[in-house]
Amino acid sequence: MYFVRPPYLYKKIISKGIWRKSKFEKIIYLTFDDGPVQTITNWVLSILKYYDIKATFFCVGDNVQKYPETYQAILNEKHAIGNHTYNHLNGWNTNTTNYIDNVELCEQVLNIGNPTESKRLFRPPYGKIKKTQLKQLHKNYKIIMWDVLSGDYDKKTSPEKCFKNVIDNIRSGSIIVFHDSMKAKNNLEYALPKFIEYALANGFIFERL
């Protein structure tokens, strides 16, 4: 089970996270977690290029090392990048020292290809992070959470429901999460282009974080 829009209590616990941007401008922020994965990330890049919009990719360090050319393609297209740990760690199940070390290892890998432009953005995998981890990371990173979760990764969610999850909940300043991963492939391929067309037709502007 997942919540398309995060519960108030969860946002209060992770109060230092950025859940939504300006409420007064019709700008939204498209983000992708768990990549890069060669086939699906390249497809996402082609869709973004077709519609001439920019997004933010929260990359897993291990995947960056597996698919360096795909990671470089993200940078070449001038999308923003963020840190999603090196091994896609669940913070609740990881001690703080190991978690921080894993984040820093990911950051080192990200900066090999992007030494000057990193804004040091971080999103915890699964949205699960301990207060001790959050406190340390907040010193050096902007903690980016989300306003709308598409649910594309959930096998029980149909492509049509994934699309509806997003269009029913976007609003000015929304940070929207999709996944450039193989498990999200079917839902993503259906929902992403339709969502982009819907958003553009309704006057939304896409920006990277």
Foldseek 3Di string as FASTA:
>chain_A
DDDQFDDPVLCVVLVLADAFDDQPALAEAEEAEEDDDPPLLVVVVVLCVVVVFAHEYAYAQCRCVVCVVSLLVNVVSPHAYEHAFNPLDQQVPDDQVVRVVRRVVSVVSNCVNPVPPHQHEYEYRVNHHDPVNSVVSSVRYHYYDWRGELCLLPPVAALVSSLVSPVVGDHRGGYYYDYSDPSSRRSCVSRVSVNVVVSVVVPHGYDYD
